[in-house]
PDB file of N, CA and C in Angstrom:
ATOM      1  N   MET A   1     -26.758 -66.715  37.901  1.00  0.00           N
ATOM      2  CA  MET A   1     -27.247 -65.605  37.529  1.00  0.00           C
ATOM      3  C   MET A   1     -26.500 -65.123  36.126  1.00  0.00           C
ATOM      4  N   ILE A   2     -25.590 -65.677  35.858  1.00  0.00           N
ATOM      5  CA  ILE A   2     -24.860 -65.319  34.296  1.00  0.00           C
ATOM      6  C   ILE A   2     -26.164 -65.785  33.338  1.00  0.00           C
ATOM      7  N   ASP A   3     -26.655 -67.128  33.420  1.00  0.00           N
ATOM      8  CA  ASP A   3     -27.548 -67.607  32.383  1.00  0.00           C
ATOM      9  C   ASP A   3     -28.772 -66.815  32.518  1.00  0.00           C
ATOM     10  N   ALA A   4     -29.251 -66.411  33.761  1.00  0.00           N
ATOM     11  CA  ALA A   4     -30.498 -65.484  33.989  1.00  0.00           C
ATOM     12  C   ALA A   4     -30.466 -64.328  33.137  1.00  0.00           C
ATOM     13  N   GLY A   5     -29.180 -63.628  33.192  1.00  0.00           N
ATOM     14  CA  GLY A   5     -28.917 -62.356  32.491  1.00  0.00           C
ATOM     15  C   GLY A   5     -28.900 -62.575  30.915  1.00  0.00           C
ATOM     16  N   ARG A   6     -28.305 -63.656  30.708  1.00  0.00           N
ATOM     17  CA  ARG A   6     -28.291 -63.722  28.960  1.00  0.00           C
ATOM     18  C   ARG A   6     -29.856 -64.045  28.580  1.00  0.00           C
ATOM     19  N   LYS A   7     -30.512 -64.814  29.381  1.00  0.00           N
ATOM     20  CA  LYS A   7     -32.011 -65.156  28.974  1.00  0.00           C
ATOM     21  C   LYS A   7     -32.668 -63.853  29.059  1.00  0.00           C
ATOM     22  N   LEU A   8     -32.561 -62.999  30.112  1.00  0.00           N
ATOM     23  CA  LEU A   8     -33.446 -61.617  30.235  1.00  0.00           C
ATOM     24  C   LEU A   8     -33.007 -60.813  28.799  1.00  0.00           C
ATOM     25  N   ILE A   9     -31.610 -60.467  28.418  1.00  0.00           N
ATOM     26  CA  ILE A   9     -31.298 -59.826  27.178  1.00  0.00           C
ATOM     27  C   ILE A   9     -31.968 -60.443  26.147  1.00  0.00           C
ATOM     28  N   GLU A  10     -32.058 -61.804  25.810  1.00  0.00           N
ATOM     29  CA  GLU A  10     -32.699 -62.448  24.830  1.00  0.00           C
ATOM     30  C   GLU A  10     -34.335 -61.909  24.616  1.00  0.00           C
ATOM     31  N   ARG A  11     -34.881 -62.025  25.978  1.00  0.00           N
ATOM     32  CA  ARG A  11     -36.280 -61.752  25.936  1.00  0.00           C
ATOM     33  C   ARG A  11     -36.441 -60.228  25.612  1.00  0.00           C
ATOM     34  N   LEU A  12     -35.511 -59.452  26.069  1.00  0.00           N
ATOM     35  CA  LEU A  12     -35.680 -57.943  25.976  1.00  0.00           C
ATOM     36  C   LEU A  12     -35.370 -57.646  24.346  1.00  0.00           C
ATOM     37  N   ASP A  13     -34.801 -58.510  23.789  1.00  0.00           N
ATOM     38  CA  ASP A  13     -34.516 -58.303  22.288  1.00  0.00           C
ATOM     39  C   ASP A  13     -35.927 -58.696  21.787  1.00  0.00           C
ATOM     40  N   GLN A  14     -36.461 -59.626  22.175  1.00  0.00           N
ATOM     41  CA  GLN A  14     -37.898 -59.941  21.696  1.00  0.00           C
ATOM     42  C   GLN A  14     -39.030 -58.926  21.875  1.00  0.00           C
ATOM     43  N   VAL A  15     -38.909 -58.034  22.794  1.00  0.00           N
ATOM     44  CA  VAL A  15     -39.781 -57.093  23.193  1.00  0.00           C
ATOM     45  C   VAL A  15     -39.103 -55.727  22.640  1.00  0.00           C
ATOM     46  N   ASN A  16     -38.321 -55.802  21.942  1.00  0.00           N
ATOM     47  CA  ASN A  16     -37.615 -54.652  21.241  1.00  0.00           C
ATOM     48  C   ASN A  16     -37.109 -53.578  22.171  1.00  0.00           C
ATOM     49  N   ALA A  17     -36.407 -53.842  23.200  1.00  0.00           N
ATOM     50  CA  ALA A  17     -36.105 -52.837  24.184  1.00  0.00           C
ATOM     51  C   ALA A  17     -34.643 -52.058  23.771  1.00  0.00           C
ATOM     52  N   ARG A  18     -34.178 -52.456  22.697  1.00  0.00           N
ATOM     53  CA  ARG A  18     -33.157 -51.786  22.262  1.00  0.00           C
ATOM     54  C   ARG A  18     -31.914 -51.780  23.224  1.00  0.00           C
ATOM     55  N   ILE A  19     -31.464 -52.571  23.717  1.00  0.00           N
ATOM     56  CA  ILE A  19     -30.257 -52.734  24.579  1.00  0.00           C
ATOM     57  C   ILE A  19     -29.238 -52.548  24.089  1.00  0.00           C
ATOM     58  N   LYS A  20     -28.292 -51.571  24.136  1.00  0.00           N
ATOM     59  CA  LYS A  20     -27.106 -51.320  23.595  1.00  0.00           C
ATOM     60  C   LYS A  20     -25.920 -52.097  24.341  1.00  0.00           C
ATOM     61  N   SER A  21     -25.971 -52.037  25.621  1.00  0.00           N
ATOM     62  CA  SER A  21     -24.945 -52.626  26.322  1.00  0.00           C
ATOM     63  C   SER A  21     -25.707 -53.271  27.744  1.00  0.00           C
ATOM     64  N   ALA A  22     -25.063 -54.302  28.114  1.00  0.00           N
ATOM     65  CA  ALA A  22     -25.461 -55.058  29.043  1.00  0.00           C
ATOM     66  C   ALA A  22     -24.323 -55.787  29.796  1.00  0.00           C
ATOM     67  N   PHE A  23     -24.312 -55.749  31.155  1.00  0.00           N
ATOM     68  CA  PHE A  23     -23.054 -56.237  31.767  1.00  0.00           C
ATOM     69  C   PHE A  23     -23.427 -56.395  33.493  1.00  0.00           C
ATOM     70  N   TRP A  24     -22.831 -57.508  34.102  1.00  0.00           N
ATOM     71  CA  TRP A  24     -23.070 -57.474  35.396  1.00  0.00           C
ATOM     72  C   TRP A  24     -21.770 -56.652  35.889  1.00  0.00           C
ATOM     73  N   LEU A  25     -22.069 -55.839  36.885  1.00  0.00           N
ATOM     74  CA  LEU A  25     -20.803 -54.956  37.431  1.00  0.00           C
ATOM     75  C   LEU A  25     -20.768 -55.083  38.949  1.00  0.00           C
ATOM     76  N   TYR A  26     -19.595 -55.626  39.444  1.00  0.00           N
ATOM     77  CA  TYR A  26     -19.463 -55.792  40.909  1.00  0.00           C
ATOM     78  C   TYR A  26     -19.032 -54.445  41.424  1.00  0.00           C
ATOM     79  N   LEU A  27     -19.928 -54.159  42.718  1.00  0.00           N
ATOM     80  CA  LEU A  27     -19.798 -52.787  43.432  1.00  0.00           C
ATOM     81  C   LEU A  27     -19.087 -53.250  44.660  1.00  0.00           C
ATOM     82  N   PRO A  28     -17.888 -53.284  44.700  1.00  0.00           N
ATOM     83  CA  PRO A  28     -16.960 -53.656  45.970  1.00  0.00           C
ATOM     84  C   PRO A  28     -17.416 -52.954  47.276  1.00  0.00           C
ATOM     85  N   GLU A  29     -17.982 -51.717  47.155  1.00  0.00           N
ATOM     86  CA  GLU A  29     -18.224 -51.043  48.425  1.00  0.00           C
ATOM     87  C   GLU A  29     -19.494 -51.526  49.203  1.00  0.00           C
ATOM     88  N   VAL A  30     -20.293 -52.286  48.393  1.00  0.00           N
ATOM     89  CA  VAL A  30     -21.746 -52.926  48.942  1.00  0.00           C
ATOM     90  C   VAL A  30     -21.539 -54.409  48.692  1.00  0.00           C
ATOM     91  N   ARG A  31     -20.469 -54.704  48.121  1.00  0.00           N
ATOM     92  CA  ARG A  31     -20.056 -56.384  47.894  1.00  0.00           C
ATOM     93  C   ARG A  31     -21.510 -56.897  47.413  1.00  0.00           C
ATOM     94  N   THR A  32     -21.700 -56.405  46.083  1.00  0.00           N
ATOM     95  CA  THR A  32     -22.966 -57.055  45.357  1.00  0.00           C
ATOM     96  C   THR A  32     -22.784 -56.638  43.788  1.00  0.00           C
ATOM     97  N   TRP A  33     -23.467 -57.442  43.037  1.00  0.00           N
ATOM     98  CA  TRP A  33     -23.467 -57.428  41.724  1.00  0.00           C
ATOM     99  C   TRP A  33     -24.852 -56.859  41.196  1.00  0.00           C
ATOM    100  N   THR A  34     -24.568 -56.053  40.195  1.00  0.00           N
ATOM    101  CA  THR A  34     -25.796 -55.366  39.459  1.00  0.00           C
ATOM    102  C   THR A  34     -25.673 -55.558  38.100  1.00  0.00           C
ATOM    103  N   LEU A  35     -26.853 -55.995  37.557  1.00  0.00           N
ATOM    104  CA  LEU A  35     -26.867 -56.133  36.102  1.00  0.00           C
ATOM    105  C   LEU A  35     -27.163 -54.699  35.491  1.00  0.00           C
ATOM    106  N   ILE A  36     -26.194 -54.035  34.816  1.00  0.00           N
ATOM    107  CA  ILE A  36     -26.336 -52.964  34.110  1.00  0.00           C
ATOM    108  C   ILE A  36     -27.060 -52.912  32.723  1.00  0.00           C
ATOM    109  N   LEU A  37     -28.099 -52.370  32.576  1.00  0.00           N
ATOM    110  CA  LEU A  37     -28.612 -52.355  31.221  1.00  0.00           C
ATOM    111  C   LEU A  37     -28.682 -50.972  30.635  1.00  0.00           C
ATOM    112  N   SER A  38     -28.028 -50.672  29.210  1.00  0.00           N
ATOM    113  CA  SER A  38     -27.965 -49.348  28.781  1.00  0.00           C
ATOM    114  C   SER A  38     -28.858 -49.317  27.494  1.00  0.00           C
ATOM    115  N   SER A  39     -29.727 -48.081  27.434  1.00  0.00           N
ATOM    116  CA  SER A  39     -30.415 -47.994  26.038  1.00  0.00           C
ATOM    117  C   SER A  39     -30.462 -46.589  25.962  1.00  0.00           C
ATOM    118  N   ASP A  40     -30.521 -46.087  24.752  1.00  0.00           N
ATOM    119  CA  ASP A  40     -30.720 -44.702  24.601  1.00  0.00           C
ATOM    120  C   ASP A  40     -32.040 -44.245  25.116  1.00  0.00           C
ATOM    121  N   SER A  41     -33.107 -45.326  25.000  1.00  0.00           N
ATOM    122  CA  SER A  41     -34.448 -44.798  25.462  1.00  0.00           C
ATOM    123  C   SER A  41     -34.339 -44.394  26.894  1.00  0.00           C
ATOM    124  N   VAL A  42     -33.448 -44.599  27.625  1.00  0.00           N
ATOM    125  CA  VAL A  42     -33.418 -44.328  29.171  1.00  0.00           C
ATOM    126  C   VAL A  42     -33.175 -42.779  29.173  1.00  0.00           C
ATOM    127  N   ALA A  43     -32.586 -41.993  28.213  1.00  0.00           N
ATOM    128  CA  ALA A  43     -32.236 -40.679  28.172  1.00  0.00           C
ATOM    129  C   ALA A  43     -33.564 -40.097  27.446  1.00  0.00           C
ATOM    130  N   SER A  44     -34.122 -40.380  26.509  1.00  0.00           N
ATOM    131  CA  SER A  44     -35.248 -40.013  25.716  1.00  0.00           C
ATOM    132  C   SER A  44     -36.537 -40.432  26.466  1.00  0.00           C
ATOM    133  N   ASP A  45     -36.794 -41.292  26.912  1.00  0.00           N
ATOM    134  CA  ASP A  45     -38.254 -41.824  27.306  1.00  0.00           C
ATOM    135  C   ASP A  45     -38.249 -41.921  28.928  1.00  0.00           C
ATOM    136  N   GLY A  46     -37.124 -41.780  29.500  1.00  0.00           N
ATOM    137  CA  GLY A  46     -37.093 -42.038  30.916  1.00  0.00           C
ATOM    138  C   GLY A  46     -36.926 -43.553  31.275  1.00  0.00           C
ATOM    139  N   PRO A  47     -36.449 -43.969  32.477  1.00  0.00           N
ATOM    140  CA  PRO A  47     -36.365 -45.182  33.095  1.00  0.00           C
ATOM    141  C   PRO A  47     -37.697 -46.189  33.077  1.00  0.00           C
ATOM    142  N   ARG A  48     -38.829 -45.354  33.330  1.00  0.00           N
ATOM    143  CA  ARG A  48     -39.911 -46.177  33.783  1.00  0.00           C
ATOM    144  C   ARG A  48     -40.305 -47.165  32.630  1.00  0.00           C
ATOM    145  N   LYS A  49     -40.119 -46.730  31.177  1.00  0.00           N
ATOM    146  CA  LYS A  49     -40.687 -47.425  30.160  1.00  0.00           C
ATOM    147  C   LYS A  49     -39.837 -48.706  29.953  1.00  0.00           C
ATOM    148  N   LEU A  50     -38.583 -48.590  30.339  1.00  0.00           N
ATOM    149  CA  LEU A  50     -37.511 -49.564  30.159  1.00  0.00           C
ATOM    150  C   LEU A  50     -37.910 -50.651  31.205  1.00  0.00           C
ATOM    151  N   TYR A  51     -38.072 -50.120  32.380  1.00  0.00           N
ATOM    152  CA  TYR A  51     -38.233 -51.090  33.608  1.00  0.00           C
ATOM    153  C   TYR A  51     -39.562 -51.811  33.344  1.00  0.00           C
ATOM    154  N   GLN A  52     -40.500 -51.281  32.484  1.00  0.00           N
ATOM    155  CA  GLN A  52     -41.974 -52.020  32.163  1.00  0.00           C
ATOM    156  C   GLN A  52     -41.376 -53.081  31.123  1.00  0.00           C
ATOM    157  N   LYS A  53     -40.523 -52.638  30.269  1.00  0.00           N
ATOM    158  CA  LYS A  53     -40.094 -53.787  29.179  1.00  0.00           C
ATOM    159  C   LYS A  53     -39.563 -54.934  29.994  1.00  0.00           C
ATOM    160  N   ILE A  54     -38.682 -54.534  30.875  1.00  0.00           N
ATOM    161  CA  ILE A  54     -38.177 -55.689  31.848  1.00  0.00           C
ATOM    162  C   ILE A  54     -39.027 -56.453  32.432  1.00  0.00           C
ATOM    163  N   LEU A  55     -39.885 -55.998  33.049  1.00  0.00           N
ATOM    164  CA  LEU A  55     -41.404 -56.611  33.644  1.00  0.00           C
ATOM    165  C   LEU A  55     -42.057 -57.573  32.462  1.00  0.00           C
ATOM    166  N   ASP A  56     -42.163 -56.868  31.502  1.00  0.00           N
ATOM    167  CA  ASP A  56     -42.805 -57.679  30.185  1.00  0.00           C
ATOM    168  C   ASP A  56     -41.757 -58.883  29.804  1.00  0.00           C
ATOM    169  N   ALA A  57     -40.575 -58.642  29.866  1.00  0.00           N
ATOM    170  CA  ALA A  57     -39.599 -59.564  29.350  1.00  0.00           C
ATOM    171  C   ALA A  57     -39.655 -60.790  30.465  1.00  0.00           C
ATOM    172  N   ASN A  58     -39.668 -60.211  31.777  1.00  0.00           N
ATOM    173  CA  ASN A  58     -39.610 -61.463  32.825  1.00  0.00           C
ATOM    174  C   ASN A  58     -41.085 -62.251  32.812  1.00  0.00           C
ATOM    175  N   ASN A  59     -42.043 -61.676  32.297  1.00  0.00           N
ATOM    176  CA  ASN A  59     -43.279 -62.477  32.134  1.00  0.00           C
ATOM    177  C   ASN A  59     -43.228 -63.486  31.039  1.00  0.00           C
ATOM    178  N   LEU A  60     -42.537 -63.190  30.032  1.00  0.00           N
ATOM    179  CA  LEU A  60     -42.197 -64.242  28.975  1.00  0.00           C
ATOM    180  C   LEU A  60     -41.383 -65.583  29.328  1.00  0.00           C
ATOM    181  N   ALA A  61     -40.688 -65.360  30.449  1.00  0.00           N
ATOM    182  CA  ALA A  61     -39.934 -66.506  31.033  1.00  0.00           C
ATOM    183  C   ALA A  61     -40.514 -67.644  31.162  1.00  0.00           C
ATOM    184  N   LYS A  62     -40.026 -68.705  30.974  1.00  0.00           N
ATOM    185  CA  LYS A  62     -40.511 -70.136  30.990  1.00  0.00           C
ATOM    186  C   LYS A  62     -40.601 -70.377  32.944  1.00  0.00           C
ATOM    187  N   GLU A  63     -41.596 -71.021  33.379  1.00  0.00           N
ATOM    188  CA  GLU A  63     -41.673 -71.149  34.690  1.00  0.00           C
ATOM    189  C   GLU A  63     -40.377 -71.773  35.355  1.00  0.00           C
ATOM    190  N   THR A  64     -39.450 -72.739  34.601  1.00  0.00           N
ATOM    191  CA  THR A  64     -38.358 -73.016  35.116  1.00  0.00           C
ATOM    192  C   THR A  64     -37.165 -72.104  35.312  1.00  0.00           C
ATOM    193  N   GLU A  65     -37.418 -70.881  34.291  1.00  0.00           N
ATOM    194  CA  GLU A  65     -36.278 -70.097  34.278  1.00  0.00           C
ATOM    195  C   GLU A  65     -36.242 -69.153  35.503  1.00  0.00           C
ATOM    196  N   LYS A  66     -34.879 -68.833  35.866  1.00  0.00           N
ATOM    197  CA  LYS A  66     -34.965 -67.925  36.882  1.00  0.00           C
ATOM    198  C   LYS A  66     -34.864 -66.470  36.541  1.00  0.00           C
ATOM    199  N   THR A  67     -35.710 -65.538  37.030  1.00  0.00           N
ATOM    200  CA  THR A  67     -35.596 -63.931  36.498  1.00  0.00           C
ATOM    201  C   THR A  67     -34.759 -63.184  37.416  1.00  0.00           C
ATOM    202  N   ILE A  68     -34.444 -62.278  37.052  1.00  0.00           N
ATOM    203  CA  ILE A  68     -33.624 -61.314  37.731  1.00  0.00           C
ATOM    204  C   ILE A  68     -34.552 -60.275  38.311  1.00  0.00           C
ATOM    205  N   SER A  69     -34.458 -60.019  39.726  1.00  0.00           N
ATOM    206  CA  SER A  69     -35.422 -59.072  40.268  1.00  0.00           C
ATOM    207  C   SER A  69     -34.838 -57.549  39.882  1.00  0.00           C
ATOM    208  N   LEU A  70     -36.020 -56.588  39.820  1.00  0.00           N
ATOM    209  CA  LEU A  70     -35.446 -55.280  39.392  1.00  0.00           C
ATOM    210  C   LEU A  70     -34.526 -54.666  40.362  1.00  0.00           C
ATOM    211  N   ASN A  71     -34.546 -55.083  41.640  1.00  0.00           N
ATOM    212  CA  ASN A  71     -33.711 -54.626  42.588  1.00  0.00           C
ATOM    213  C   ASN A  71     -32.379 -54.924  42.365  1.00  0.00           C
ATOM    214  N   ASP A  72     -32.037 -55.738  41.295  1.00  0.00           N
ATOM    215  CA  ASP A  72     -30.651 -56.219  40.938  1.00  0.00           C
ATOM    216  C   ASP A  72     -30.168 -55.582  39.618  1.00  0.00           C
ATOM    217  N   ILE A  73     -31.161 -54.654  39.136  1.00  0.00           N
ATOM    218  CA  ILE A  73     -30.904 -54.244  37.805  1.00  0.00           C
ATOM    219  C   ILE A  73     -30.861 -52.675  37.984  1.00  0.00           C
ATOM    220  N   GLY A  74     -29.635 -52.235  37.349  1.00  0.00           N
ATOM    221  CA  GLY A  74     -29.667 -50.706  37.157  1.00  0.00           C
ATOM    222  C   GLY A  74     -29.760 -50.249  35.658  1.00  0.00           C
ATOM    223  N   LEU A  75     -30.320 -49.073  35.368  1.00  0.00           N
ATOM    224  CA  LEU A  75     -30.344 -48.767  33.955  1.00  0.00           C
ATOM    225  C   LEU A  75     -29.635 -47.409  33.885  1.00  0.00           C
ATOM    226  N   MET A  76     -29.024 -47.388  32.665  1.00  0.00           N
ATOM    227  CA  MET A  76     -28.313 -46.247  32.264  1.00  0.00           C
ATOM    228  C   MET A  76     -28.388 -45.736  30.870  1.00  0.00           C
ATOM    229  N   SER A  77     -28.149 -44.611  30.441  1.00  0.00           N
ATOM    230  CA  SER A  77     -28.192 -44.157  29.283  1.00  0.00           C
ATOM    231  C   SER A  77     -26.838 -44.570  28.501  1.00  0.00           C
ATOM    232  N   SER A  78     -26.905 -44.399  27.240  1.00  0.00           N
ATOM    233  CA  SER A  78     -25.792 -44.892  26.458  1.00  0.00           C
ATOM    234  C   SER A  78     -24.522 -44.023  26.657  1.00  0.00           C
ATOM    235  N   ASP A  79     -24.888 -42.729  27.011  1.00  0.00           N
ATOM    236  CA  ASP A  79     -23.912 -41.922  27.174  1.00  0.00           C
ATOM    237  C   ASP A  79     -23.152 -41.766  28.470  1.00  0.00           C
ATOM    238  N   GLN A  80     -23.453 -42.967  29.308  1.00  0.00           N
ATOM    239  CA  GLN A  80     -22.652 -42.911  30.740  1.00  0.00           C
ATOM    240  C   GLN A  80     -21.269 -43.374  30.491  1.00  0.00           C
ATOM    241  N   LYS A  81     -20.501 -42.644  31.505  1.00  0.00           N
ATOM    242  CA  LYS A  81     -19.045 -42.967  31.319  1.00  0.00           C
ATOM    243  C   LYS A  81     -18.659 -44.393  31.485  1.00  0.00           C
ATOM    244  N   ILE A  82     -19.177 -45.142  32.213  1.00  0.00           N
ATOM    245  CA  ILE A  82     -18.885 -46.727  32.219  1.00  0.00           C
ATOM    246  C   ILE A  82     -19.261 -47.357  31.136  1.00  0.00           C
ATOM    247  N   VAL A  83     -20.382 -47.108  30.538  1.00  0.00           N
ATOM    248  CA  VAL A  83     -20.927 -47.701  29.330  1.00  0.00           C
ATOM    249  C   VAL A  83     -19.946 -47.330  28.133  1.00  0.00           C
ATOM    250  N   GLN A  84     -19.502 -46.154  28.004  1.00  0.00           N
ATOM    251  CA  GLN A  84     -18.719 -45.604  27.041  1.00  0.00           C
ATOM    252  C   GLN A  84     -17.249 -46.272  27.152  1.00  0.00           C
ATOM    253  N   LEU A  85     -16.866 -46.416  28.181  1.00  0.00           N
ATOM    254  CA  LEU A  85     -15.574 -46.746  28.513  1.00  0.00           C
ATOM    255  C   LEU A  85     -15.484 -48.288  28.249  1.00  0.00           C
ATOM    256  N   LEU A  86     -16.299 -49.026  28.606  1.00  0.00           N
ATOM    257  CA  LEU A  86     -16.477 -50.558  28.143  1.00  0.00           C
ATOM    258  C   LEU A  86     -16.540 -50.736  26.661  1.00  0.00           C
ATOM    259  N   ALA A  87     -17.458 -49.936  26.207  1.00  0.00           N
ATOM    260  CA  ALA A  87     -17.431 -49.934  24.686  1.00  0.00           C
ATOM    261  C   ALA A  87     -16.400 -49.526  23.880  1.00  0.00           C
ATOM    262  N   MET A  88     -15.545 -48.770  24.479  1.00  0.00           N
ATOM    263  CA  MET A  88     -14.338 -48.360  23.900  1.00  0.00           C
ATOM    264  C   MET A  88     -13.181 -49.482  23.663  1.00  0.00           C
ATOM    265  N   ILE A  89     -13.399 -50.416  24.910  1.00  0.00           N
ATOM    266  CA  ILE A  89     -12.535 -51.547  25.044  1.00  0.00           C
ATOM    267  C   ILE A  89     -12.881 -52.636  24.432  1.00  0.00           C
ATOM    268  N   ILE A  90     -14.209 -52.979  24.533  1.00  0.00           N
ATOM    269  CA  ILE A  90     -14.914 -54.246  24.086  1.00  0.00           C
ATOM    270  C   ILE A  90     -16.049 -53.827  23.311  1.00  0.00           C
ATOM    271  N   GLU A  91     -16.063 -54.279  22.054  1.00  0.00           N
ATOM    272  CA  GLU A  91     -17.307 -54.001  21.126  1.00  0.00           C
ATOM    273  C   GLU A  91     -17.742 -55.294  20.693  1.00  0.00           C
ATOM    274  N   THR A  92     -18.904 -55.693  20.999  1.00  0.00           N
ATOM    275  CA  THR A  92     -19.587 -56.860  20.747  1.00  0.00           C
ATOM    276  C   THR A  92     -20.629 -56.937  19.697  1.00  0.00           C
ATOM    277  N   GLY A  93     -20.960 -55.624  19.289  1.00  0.00           N
ATOM    278  CA  GLY A  93     -22.153 -55.344  18.474  1.00  0.00           C
ATOM    279  C   GLY A  93     -23.442 -55.891  19.041  1.00  0.00           C
ATOM    280  N   LEU A  94     -24.389 -56.457  18.320  1.00  0.00           N
ATOM    281  CA  LEU A  94     -25.758 -56.899  18.803  1.00  0.00           C
ATOM    282  C   LEU A  94     -25.490 -58.238  19.506  1.00  0.00           C
ATOM    283  N   GLU A  95     -24.574 -58.890  19.214  1.00  0.00           N
ATOM    284  CA  GLU A  95     -24.365 -60.367  19.618  1.00  0.00           C
ATOM    285  C   GLU A  95     -24.547 -60.388  21.284  1.00  0.00           C
ATOM    286  N   ILE A  96     -24.879 -61.458  21.807  1.00  0.00           N
ATOM    287  CA  ILE A  96     -24.762 -61.455  23.275  1.00  0.00           C
ATOM    288  C   ILE A  96     -23.699 -62.602  23.527  1.00  0.00           C
ATOM    289  N   GLY A  97     -22.554 -61.948  24.159  1.00  0.00           N
ATOM    290  CA  GLY A  97     -21.432 -62.875  24.425  1.00  0.00           C
ATOM    291  C   GLY A  97     -21.263 -63.074  25.948  1.00  0.00           C
ATOM    292  N   GLY A  98     -20.090 -63.491  26.326  1.00  0.00           N
ATOM    293  CA  GLY A  98     -19.834 -63.624  27.734  1.00  0.00           C
ATOM    294  C   GLY A  98     -18.404 -63.476  28.063  1.00  0.00           C
ATOM    295  N   ILE A  99     -18.071 -62.141  28.351  1.00  0.00           N
ATOM    296  CA  ILE A  99     -16.451 -61.719  28.469  1.00  0.00           C
ATOM    297  C   ILE A  99     -16.352 -61.125  29.885  1.00  0.00           C
ATOM    298  N   ARG A 100     -15.459 -61.712  30.609  1.00  0.00           N
ATOM    299  CA  ARG A 100     -15.122 -61.551  31.983  1.00  0.00           C
ATOM    300  C   ARG A 100     -14.188 -60.261  31.969  1.00  0.00           C
ATOM    301  N   PHE A 101     -14.144 -59.376  32.521  1.00  0.00           N
ATOM    302  CA  PHE A 101     -13.206 -58.081  32.613  1.00  0.00           C
ATOM    303  C   PHE A 101     -13.066 -57.894  34.358  1.00  0.00           C
ATOM    304  N   THR A 102     -11.775 -58.250  34.524  1.00  0.00           N
ATOM    305  CA  THR A 102     -11.442 -58.145  35.910  1.00  0.00           C
ATOM    306  C   THR A 102     -10.299 -57.405  36.328  1.00  0.00           C
ATOM    307  N   ARG A 103     -10.435 -56.542  37.361  1.00  0.00           N
ATOM    308  CA  ARG A 103      -9.271 -55.579  37.830  1.00  0.00           C
ATOM    309  C   ARG A 103      -8.408 -54.892  36.550  1.00  0.00           C
ATOM    310  N   ASN A 104      -9.248 -54.087  35.985  1.00  0.00           N
ATOM    311  CA  ASN A 104      -8.773 -53.231  34.908  1.00  0.00           C
ATOM    312  C   ASN A 104      -9.170 -51.749  35.154  1.00  0.00           C
ATOM    313  N   ASN A 105      -8.026 -50.849  34.650  1.00  0.00           N
ATOM    314  CA  ASN A 105      -8.178 -49.535  34.681  1.00  0.00           C
ATOM    315  C   ASN A 105      -8.389 -48.993  33.040  1.00  0.00           C
ATOM    316  N   ILE A 106      -9.308 -48.211  32.822  1.00  0.00           N
ATOM    317  CA  ILE A 106      -9.702 -47.620  31.601  1.00  0.00           C
ATOM    318  C   ILE A 106      -9.609 -46.147  31.882  1.00  0.00           C
ATOM    319  N   ASN A 107      -8.874 -45.460  31.199  1.00  0.00           N
ATOM    320  CA  ASN A 107      -8.646 -44.057  31.634  1.00  0.00           C
ATOM    321  C   ASN A 107      -8.830 -43.721  32.677  1.00  0.00           C
ATOM    322  N   GLY A 108      -8.081 -44.038  33.870  1.00  0.00           N
ATOM    323  CA  GLY A 108      -8.040 -43.868  35.229  1.00  0.00           C
ATOM    324  C   GLY A 108      -9.427 -44.344  35.881  1.00  0.00           C
ATOM    325  N   ILE A 109     -10.243 -45.085  35.349  1.00  0.00           N
ATOM    326  CA  ILE A 109     -11.452 -45.498  36.222  1.00  0.00           C
ATOM    327  C   ILE A 109     -10.995 -46.969  36.201  1.00  0.00           C
ATOM    328  N   TYR A 110     -11.281 -47.543  37.622  1.00  0.00           N
ATOM    329  CA  TYR A 110     -10.990 -48.833  38.091  1.00  0.00           C
ATOM    330  C   TYR A 110     -12.207 -49.506  37.838  1.00  0.00           C
ATOM    331  N   ILE A 111     -12.287 -50.841  37.233  1.00  0.00           N
ATOM    332  CA  ILE A 111     -13.348 -51.648  37.383  1.00  0.00           C
ATOM    333  C   ILE A 111     -12.951 -53.100  38.011  1.00  0.00           C
ATOM    334  N   ASP A 112     -13.538 -53.120  39.156  1.00  0.00           N
ATOM    335  CA  ASP A 112     -13.088 -54.375  39.929  1.00  0.00           C
ATOM    336  C   ASP A 112     -13.432 -55.516  39.188  1.00  0.00           C
ATOM    337  N   ASP A 113     -14.775 -55.798  38.817  1.00  0.00           N
ATOM    338  CA  ASP A 113     -15.047 -57.109  38.048  1.00  0.00           C
ATOM    339  C   ASP A 113     -16.337 -56.698  37.307  1.00  0.00           C
ATOM    340  N   ALA A 114     -16.592 -57.116  36.038  1.00  0.00           N
ATOM    341  CA  ALA A 114     -17.724 -57.136  35.218  1.00  0.00           C
ATOM    342  C   ALA A 114     -17.771 -58.353  34.396  1.00  0.00           C
ATOM    343  N   TYR A 115     -18.963 -58.731  34.140  1.00  0.00           N
ATOM    344  CA  TYR A 115     -19.191 -59.885  33.097  1.00  0.00           C
ATOM    345  C   TYR A 115     -20.163 -59.279  32.020  1.00  0.00           C
ATOM    346  N   ILE A 116     -19.771 -59.245  30.926  1.00  0.00           N
ATOM    347  CA  ILE A 116     -20.012 -58.253  29.676  1.00  0.00           C
ATOM    348  C   ILE A 116     -20.852 -59.361  28.824  1.00  0.00           C
ATOM    349  N   TYR A 117     -22.245 -58.886  28.666  1.00  0.00           N
ATOM    350  CA  TYR A 117     -22.821 -59.671  27.597  1.00  0.00           C
ATOM    351  C   TYR A 117     -22.930 -58.931  26.229  1.00  0.00           C
ATOM    352  N   ARG A 118     -22.903 -57.744  26.370  1.00  0.00           N
ATOM    353  CA  ARG A 118     -23.182 -56.782  25.102  1.00  0.00           C
ATOM    354  C   ARG A 118     -22.627 -55.482  25.501  1.00  0.00           C
ATOM    355  N   SER A 119     -21.783 -54.859  24.377  1.00  0.00           N
ATOM    356  CA  SER A 119     -21.068 -53.832  24.572  1.00  0.00           C
ATOM    357  C   SER A 119     -21.130 -52.964  23.319  1.00  0.00           C
ATOM    358  N   GLN A 120     -21.726 -51.774  23.039  1.00  0.00           N
ATOM    359  CA  GLN A 120     -21.450 -51.134  21.946  1.00  0.00           C
ATOM    360  C   GLN A 120     -21.731 -49.714  21.942  1.00  0.00           C
ATOM    361  N   ARG A 121     -21.156 -49.009  21.175  1.00  0.00           N
ATOM    362  CA  ARG A 121     -21.169 -47.679  21.115  1.00  0.00           C
ATOM    363  C   ARG A 121     -22.487 -47.081  20.511  1.00  0.00           C
TER     364      ARG A 121
END
């Protein structure tokens, strides 16, 4: 899923989705990982347009590539607290990286586990 997330972000860049932050976040209360994608367009245009861009990006995937279901993706505006906290600690710019962030507290917010591809303010 780490590779599938990276490929999705690359394809989203191709369709100009303007993703500012992207990371897998582990939700211990439901024991699942969710791919969080953050964009200013979520607040300005609503989530539906970004979900459509995700579908468009998944359609660009090669037949051999795994895609990520919309059920495993959460959208946030760039001003959400978790997005801002991660960007405060880790700034990647527009590059797509791979940073594991495990069992950390940021300003009193505990993050059990995250895998960060992109993080910017």
